[in-house]
Amino acid sequence: MNTAAKIADPRVMTVEVTDDEIIAHLVDGRTISVPLVWSWRLASATGKQRQHWEILGDGEGVRWPDIDEDISVEGMLHGMPAHRPRGPQDG
């Protein structure tokens, strides 16, 4: 594996969830954010649930165990919002 590519892999150092955004601070100094509504679980969560997060693996994502939500750095960078599951009435 190319060492330069390994260093450039985006990894989360810490995360914040505001009333409007999910903000990830990366180990390489970048800060990325996406709208909170991209995660319907986080948007519906309490403030306490939003603040209880864990870093996944080597920083490739973040997990909120209280609400069973995982968000990857790649998903945030590439604009991949979570979709609400379809209910039985939806087909």
C-alpha atoms as a PDB file:
ATOM      1  CA  MET A   1       0.000   0.000   0.000  1.00  0.00           C
ATOM      2  CA  ASN A   2       1.152   3.484  -0.793  1.00  0.00           C
ATOM      3  CA  THR A   3       2.153   5.262   2.444  1.00  0.00           C
ATOM      4  CA  ALA A   4       0.943   8.626   1.117  1.00  0.00           C
ATOM      5  CA  ALA A   5      -2.510   7.167   0.480  1.00  0.00           C
ATOM      6  CA  LYS A   6      -2.628   5.730   3.990  1.00  0.00           C
ATOM      7  CA  ILE A   7      -1.813   9.123   5.541  1.00  0.00           C
ATOM      8  CA  ALA A   8      -4.513  10.814   3.439  1.00  0.00           C
ATOM      9  CA  ASP A   9      -7.251   8.438   4.692  1.00  0.00           C
ATOM     10  CA  PRO A  10      -9.806  10.638   6.465  1.00  0.00           C
ATOM     11  CA  ARG A  11     -10.177   9.686  10.124  1.00  0.00           C
ATOM     12  CA  VAL A  12     -12.337  11.215  12.848  1.00  0.00           C
ATOM     13  CA  MET A  13     -10.716  12.634  15.952  1.00  0.00           C
ATOM     14  CA  THR A  14     -13.832  14.116  17.577  1.00  0.00           C
ATOM     15  CA  VAL A  15     -17.404  14.971  16.660  1.00  0.00           C
ATOM     16  CA  GLU A  16     -20.041  17.541  17.601  1.00  0.00           C
ATOM     17  CA  VAL A  17     -23.766  17.454  16.972  1.00  0.00           C
ATOM     18  CA  THR A  18     -25.585  20.779  17.029  1.00  0.00           C
ATOM     19  CA  ASP A  19     -29.252  21.503  16.423  1.00  0.00           C
ATOM     20  CA  ASP A  20     -28.420  21.863  12.713  1.00  0.00           C
ATOM     21  CA  GLU A  21     -25.209  19.980  11.882  1.00  0.00           C
ATOM     22  CA  ILE A  22     -23.034  16.937  12.428  1.00  0.00           C
ATOM     23  CA  ILE A  23     -19.472  18.255  12.599  1.00  0.00           C
ATOM     24  CA  ALA A  24     -16.462  15.941  12.376  1.00  0.00           C
ATOM     25  CA  HIS A  25     -12.960  17.105  13.260  1.00  0.00           C
ATOM     26  CA  LEU A  26     -10.454  14.935  11.426  1.00  0.00           C
ATOM     27  CA  VAL A  27      -6.976  13.934  12.566  1.00  0.00           C
ATOM     28  CA  ASP A  28      -5.440  15.723   9.570  1.00  0.00           C
ATOM     29  CA  GLY A  29      -6.851  19.073  10.731  1.00  0.00           C
ATOM     30  CA  ARG A  30      -9.878  19.267   8.445  1.00  0.00           C
ATOM     31  CA  THR A  31     -13.374  19.899   9.740  1.00  0.00           C
ATOM     32  CA  ILE A  32     -16.331  18.612   7.763  1.00  0.00           C
ATOM     33  CA  SER A  33     -20.015  19.030   8.439  1.00  0.00           C
ATOM     34  CA  VAL A  34     -23.306  17.791   7.065  1.00  0.00           C
ATOM     35  CA  PRO A  35     -26.882  18.793   7.853  1.00  0.00           C
ATOM     36  CA  LEU A  36     -28.313  17.064  10.920  1.00  0.00           C
ATOM     37  CA  VAL A  37     -31.335  15.976   8.885  1.00  0.00           C
ATOM     38  CA  TRP A  38     -29.033  13.653   6.918  1.00  0.00           C
ATOM     39  CA  SER A  39     -29.357  11.353   9.915  1.00  0.00           C
ATOM     40  CA  TRP A  40     -33.028  10.947  10.786  1.00  0.00           C
ATOM     41  CA  ARG A  41     -31.997   9.014  13.905  1.00  0.00           C
ATOM     42  CA  LEU A  42     -29.774  11.820  15.192  1.00  0.00           C
ATOM     43  CA  ALA A  43     -32.326  14.448  14.222  1.00  0.00           C
ATOM     44  CA  SER A  44     -34.906  12.615  16.373  1.00  0.00           C
ATOM     45  CA  ALA A  45     -32.504  11.900  19.253  1.00  0.00           C
ATOM     46  CA  THR A  46     -32.249  13.724  22.549  1.00  0.00           C
ATOM     47  CA  GLY A  47     -29.300  15.983  23.284  1.00  0.00           C
ATOM     48  CA  LYS A  48     -27.914  13.370  25.660  1.00  0.00           C
ATOM     49  CA  GLN A  49     -28.141  10.656  22.999  1.00  0.00           C
ATOM     50  CA  ARG A  50     -26.435  12.915  20.448  1.00  0.00           C
ATOM     51  CA  GLN A  51     -23.505  13.494  22.809  1.00  0.00           C
ATOM     52  CA  HIS A  52     -22.944   9.773  23.513  1.00  0.00           C
ATOM     53  CA  TRP A  53     -20.809   8.706  20.566  1.00  0.00           C
ATOM     54  CA  GLU A  54     -17.877   6.366  19.942  1.00  0.00           C
ATOM     55  CA  ILE A  55     -15.214   6.395  17.254  1.00  0.00           C
ATOM     56  CA  LEU A  56     -15.372   3.345  14.996  1.00  0.00           C
ATOM     57  CA  GLY A  57     -12.179   1.415  14.338  1.00  0.00           C
ATOM     58  CA  ASP A  58      -9.247   3.673  13.541  1.00  0.00           C
ATOM     59  CA  GLY A  59     -11.511   6.672  13.041  1.00  0.00           C
ATOM     60  CA  GLU A  60     -13.294   5.670   9.858  1.00  0.00           C
ATOM     61  CA  GLY A  61     -16.615   6.639  11.380  1.00  0.00           C
ATOM     62  CA  VAL A  62     -18.695   7.435  14.437  1.00  0.00           C
ATOM     63  CA  ARG A  63     -21.285   5.335  16.267  1.00  0.00           C
ATOM     64  CA  TRP A  64     -24.125   6.510  18.493  1.00  0.00           C
ATOM     65  CA  PRO A  65     -24.932   3.307  20.417  1.00  0.00           C
ATOM     66  CA  ASP A  66     -28.056   4.644  22.147  1.00  0.00           C
ATOM     67  CA  ILE A  67     -29.825   5.118  18.817  1.00  0.00           C
ATOM     68  CA  ASP A  68     -28.037   2.474  16.701  1.00  0.00           C
ATOM     69  CA  GLU A  69     -26.588   5.009  14.250  1.00  0.00           C
ATOM     70  CA  ASP A  70     -23.258   4.770  12.422  1.00  0.00           C
ATOM     71  CA  ILE A  71     -21.887   7.447  10.110  1.00  0.00           C
ATOM     72  CA  SER A  72     -18.705   7.043   8.081  1.00  0.00           C
ATOM     73  CA  VAL A  73     -16.307   9.833   7.232  1.00  0.00           C
ATOM     74  CA  GLU A  74     -16.492   8.731   3.594  1.00  0.00           C
ATOM     75  CA  GLY A  75     -20.278   9.045   3.701  1.00  0.00           C
ATOM     76  CA  MET A  76     -20.002  12.580   5.035  1.00  0.00           C
ATOM     77  CA  LEU A  77     -17.387  13.528   2.436  1.00  0.00           C
ATOM     78  CA  HIS A  78     -19.337  12.044  -0.466  1.00  0.00           C
ATOM     79  CA  GLY A  79     -22.769  13.325   0.532  1.00  0.00           C
ATOM     80  CA  MET A  80     -24.524  10.114   1.464  1.00  0.00           C
ATOM     81  CA  PRO A  81     -27.449  10.849   3.813  1.00  0.00           C
ATOM     82  CA  ALA A  82     -29.207   8.026   5.668  1.00  0.00           C
ATOM     83  CA  HIS A  83     -32.547   6.987   4.252  1.00  0.00           C
ATOM     84  CA  ARG A  84     -35.514   6.270   6.485  1.00  0.00           C
ATOM     85  CA  PRO A  85     -36.576   2.638   6.307  1.00  0.00           C
ATOM     86  CA  ARG A  86     -39.814   2.063   4.502  1.00  0.00           C
ATOM     87  CA  GLY A  87     -42.726   0.935   6.606  1.00  0.00           C
ATOM     88  CA  PRO A  88     -45.033  -1.974   5.751  1.00  0.00           C
ATOM     89  CA  GLN A  89     -47.604   0.479   4.416  1.00  0.00           C
ATOM     90  CA  ASP A  90     -45.032   1.748   1.864  1.00  0.00           C
ATOM     91  CA  GLY A  91     -44.967  -1.478  -0.037  1.00  0.00           C
END
